[in-house]
Amino acid sequence: VKVLADSSTDEILGVHMIGPRAADMIAEAVLAMEYRASAEDVTRTSHAHPTYTEAMREACLAATENRAIHI
């Protein structure tokens, strides 16, 4: 999972997903982009551990000042 965010506003501009369960996980990215959420907004939401969906949170952490924990 890779999140592309605007460097000045942190707004999520796009998301790349490849791998198992990507079709299940894309809904969170679409919702975030529809509501113009920032990568920080996504990182502050609860993501179960360990699950595939946690990858979205990690990608958003990587997009915001390289704060990813598991990547």
N, C-alpha and C. Protein backbone atom coordinates (compact mmCIF):
# COMPACT_ATOMS: atom_id res chain seq x y z
N VAL A 1 0.86 -1.17 0.00
CA VAL A 1 0.00 0.00 0.00
C VAL A 1 0.90 1.23 0.00
N LYS A 2 0.57 2.18 -0.87
CA LYS A 2 1.30 3.45 -0.91
C LYS A 2 0.27 4.57 -0.97
N VAL A 3 0.43 5.56 -0.11
CA VAL A 3 -0.47 6.71 -0.07
C VAL A 3 0.28 7.93 -0.59
N LEU A 4 -0.34 8.63 -1.52
CA LEU A 4 0.22 9.87 -2.05
C LEU A 4 -0.55 11.03 -1.44
N ALA A 5 0.15 11.89 -0.71
CA ALA A 5 -0.49 13.01 -0.02
C ALA A 5 0.19 14.32 -0.40
N ASP A 6 -0.59 15.39 -0.45
CA ASP A 6 -0.07 16.72 -0.74
C ASP A 6 0.89 17.12 0.38
N SER A 7 2.07 17.59 0.03
CA SER A 7 3.07 17.90 1.05
C SER A 7 2.72 19.10 1.92
N SER A 8 1.88 20.01 1.42
CA SER A 8 1.54 21.18 2.22
C SER A 8 0.24 21.00 3.01
N THR A 9 -0.73 20.30 2.46
CA THR A 9 -2.02 20.14 3.15
C THR A 9 -2.22 18.77 3.75
N ASP A 10 -1.41 17.79 3.37
CA ASP A 10 -1.51 16.40 3.82
C ASP A 10 -2.76 15.69 3.28
N GLU A 11 -3.48 16.34 2.35
CA GLU A 11 -4.68 15.72 1.77
C GLU A 11 -4.27 14.51 0.92
N ILE A 12 -4.99 13.41 1.07
CA ILE A 12 -4.71 12.20 0.31
C ILE A 12 -5.12 12.43 -1.14
N LEU A 13 -4.17 12.28 -2.05
CA LEU A 13 -4.42 12.51 -3.47
C LEU A 13 -4.61 11.21 -4.23
N GLY A 14 -4.04 10.13 -3.75
CA GLY A 14 -4.15 8.85 -4.42
C GLY A 14 -3.60 7.74 -3.56
N VAL A 15 -3.98 6.52 -3.89
CA VAL A 15 -3.53 5.35 -3.14
C VAL A 15 -3.25 4.22 -4.13
N HIS A 16 -2.13 3.53 -3.93
CA HIS A 16 -1.79 2.35 -4.73
C HIS A 16 -1.90 1.14 -3.80
N MET A 17 -2.58 0.10 -4.26
CA MET A 17 -2.68 -1.14 -3.48
C MET A 17 -2.46 -2.33 -4.40
N ILE A 18 -1.59 -3.23 -3.99
CA ILE A 18 -1.34 -4.46 -4.72
C ILE A 18 -1.26 -5.58 -3.69
N GLY A 19 -1.90 -6.69 -3.97
CA GLY A 19 -1.77 -7.84 -3.10
C GLY A 19 -3.11 -8.38 -2.64
N PRO A 20 -3.04 -9.38 -1.74
CA PRO A 20 -4.27 -10.00 -1.26
C PRO A 20 -5.15 -9.00 -0.52
N ARG A 21 -6.42 -9.10 -0.74
CA ARG A 21 -7.43 -8.28 -0.06
C ARG A 21 -7.41 -6.81 -0.47
N ALA A 22 -6.68 -6.44 -1.51
CA ALA A 22 -6.64 -5.04 -1.96
C ALA A 22 -8.03 -4.55 -2.33
N ALA A 23 -8.82 -5.40 -2.97
CA ALA A 23 -10.18 -5.01 -3.37
C ALA A 23 -11.05 -4.73 -2.14
N ASP A 24 -10.78 -5.41 -1.04
CA ASP A 24 -11.53 -5.18 0.20
C ASP A 24 -11.08 -3.91 0.90
N MET A 25 -9.82 -3.56 0.75
CA MET A 25 -9.27 -2.43 1.49
C MET A 25 -9.42 -1.09 0.78
N ILE A 26 -9.68 -1.09 -0.52
CA ILE A 26 -9.70 0.16 -1.28
C ILE A 26 -10.83 1.09 -0.83
N ALA A 27 -11.88 0.54 -0.25
CA ALA A 27 -13.02 1.36 0.18
C ALA A 27 -12.60 2.45 1.17
N GLU A 28 -11.70 2.14 2.07
CA GLU A 28 -11.25 3.14 3.04
C GLU A 28 -10.54 4.30 2.33
N ALA A 29 -9.73 3.98 1.34
CA ALA A 29 -9.03 5.02 0.59
C ALA A 29 -10.00 5.88 -0.21
N VAL A 30 -10.98 5.25 -0.83
CA VAL A 30 -11.98 5.99 -1.61
C VAL A 30 -12.76 6.94 -0.70
N LEU A 31 -13.15 6.46 0.46
CA LEU A 31 -13.89 7.29 1.42
C LEU A 31 -13.04 8.47 1.88
N ALA A 32 -11.78 8.22 2.17
CA ALA A 32 -10.88 9.29 2.61
C ALA A 32 -10.72 10.35 1.53
N MET A 33 -10.57 9.92 0.29
CA MET A 33 -10.40 10.89 -0.80
C MET A 33 -11.70 11.63 -1.08
N GLU A 34 -12.83 10.97 -0.97
CA GLU A 34 -14.14 11.62 -1.21
C GLU A 34 -14.36 12.76 -0.21
N TYR A 35 -13.97 12.55 1.04
CA TYR A 35 -14.17 13.56 2.07
C TYR A 35 -12.93 14.43 2.30
N ARG A 36 -11.98 14.34 1.37
CA ARG A 36 -10.77 15.16 1.40
C ARG A 36 -10.02 15.05 2.73
N ALA A 37 -9.93 13.83 3.22
CA ALA A 37 -9.25 13.57 4.48
C ALA A 37 -7.74 13.68 4.30
N SER A 38 -7.08 13.99 5.38
CA SER A 38 -5.62 14.02 5.36
C SER A 38 -5.10 12.64 5.76
N ALA A 39 -3.83 12.40 5.48
CA ALA A 39 -3.21 11.15 5.90
C ALA A 39 -3.25 11.05 7.43
N GLU A 40 -3.09 12.17 8.10
CA GLU A 40 -3.17 12.18 9.57
C GLU A 40 -4.55 11.77 10.05
N ASP A 41 -5.61 12.19 9.36
CA ASP A 41 -6.97 11.77 9.72
C ASP A 41 -7.09 10.25 9.72
N VAL A 42 -6.53 9.62 8.71
CA VAL A 42 -6.62 8.16 8.61
C VAL A 42 -5.81 7.49 9.71
N THR A 43 -4.64 8.03 10.03
CA THR A 43 -3.82 7.42 11.07
C THR A 43 -4.48 7.50 12.44
N ARG A 44 -5.33 8.47 12.65
CA ARG A 44 -5.99 8.63 13.95
C ARG A 44 -7.22 7.75 14.12
N THR A 45 -7.66 7.08 13.05
CA THR A 45 -8.80 6.17 13.17
C THR A 45 -8.31 4.80 13.63
N SER A 46 -9.19 4.06 14.24
CA SER A 46 -8.84 2.75 14.78
C SER A 46 -8.72 1.72 13.66
N HIS A 47 -7.62 0.98 13.66
CA HIS A 47 -7.39 -0.12 12.72
C HIS A 47 -7.01 -1.35 13.54
N ALA A 48 -7.73 -2.43 13.34
CA ALA A 48 -7.46 -3.66 14.10
C ALA A 48 -6.06 -4.19 13.80
N HIS A 49 -5.47 -4.83 14.80
CA HIS A 49 -4.13 -5.41 14.66
C HIS A 49 -4.18 -6.87 15.06
N PRO A 50 -3.63 -7.76 14.34
CA PRO A 50 -3.05 -7.65 13.01
C PRO A 50 -4.10 -7.94 11.94
N THR A 51 -4.24 -7.07 11.00
CA THR A 51 -5.14 -7.28 9.87
C THR A 51 -4.53 -6.64 8.63
N TYR A 52 -5.07 -7.00 7.47
CA TYR A 52 -4.61 -6.39 6.23
C TYR A 52 -4.91 -4.89 6.22
N THR A 53 -6.03 -4.49 6.82
CA THR A 53 -6.41 -3.07 6.76
C THR A 53 -5.44 -2.17 7.53
N GLU A 54 -4.69 -2.75 8.42
CA GLU A 54 -3.69 -1.97 9.15
C GLU A 54 -2.63 -1.41 8.19
N ALA A 55 -2.48 -2.02 7.03
CA ALA A 55 -1.51 -1.54 6.04
C ALA A 55 -1.86 -0.13 5.57
N MET A 56 -3.14 0.20 5.50
CA MET A 56 -3.56 1.55 5.10
C MET A 56 -3.08 2.57 6.13
N ARG A 57 -3.22 2.25 7.40
CA ARG A 57 -2.75 3.15 8.46
C ARG A 57 -1.24 3.33 8.38
N GLU A 58 -0.53 2.22 8.19
CA GLU A 58 0.93 2.29 8.09
C GLU A 58 1.37 3.13 6.89
N ALA A 59 0.67 2.99 5.77
CA ALA A 59 1.01 3.78 4.58
C ALA A 59 0.77 5.27 4.83
N CYS A 60 -0.29 5.59 5.56
CA CYS A 60 -0.55 7.00 5.90
C CYS A 60 0.49 7.53 6.86
N LEU A 61 0.94 6.69 7.78
CA LEU A 61 2.03 7.10 8.67
C LEU A 61 3.30 7.36 7.87
N ALA A 62 3.55 6.54 6.87
CA ALA A 62 4.73 6.74 6.02
C ALA A 62 4.61 8.03 5.21
N ALA A 63 3.39 8.38 4.83
CA ALA A 63 3.17 9.60 4.05
C ALA A 63 3.28 10.85 4.91
N THR A 64 3.13 10.72 6.21
CA THR A 64 3.23 11.87 7.11
C THR A 64 4.54 11.78 7.90
N GLU A 65 5.56 12.35 7.37
CA GLU A 65 6.85 12.47 8.05
C GLU A 65 7.52 11.14 8.34
N ASN A 66 7.31 10.13 7.50
CA ASN A 66 7.96 8.82 7.65
C ASN A 66 7.83 8.24 9.06
N ARG A 67 6.61 8.21 9.59
CA ARG A 67 6.39 7.71 10.94
C ARG A 67 5.89 6.27 10.98
N ALA A 68 6.01 5.53 9.89
CA ALA A 68 5.51 4.15 9.85
C ALA A 68 6.21 3.30 10.89
N ILE A 69 5.44 2.41 11.49
CA ILE A 69 5.98 1.55 12.54
C ILE A 69 6.44 0.21 11.97
N HIS A 70 5.65 -0.39 11.09
CA HIS A 70 5.93 -1.73 10.60
C HIS A 70 6.46 -1.80 9.17
N ILE A 71 6.67 -0.67 8.52
CA ILE A 71 7.15 -0.70 7.13
C ILE A 71 8.64 -0.48 7.11
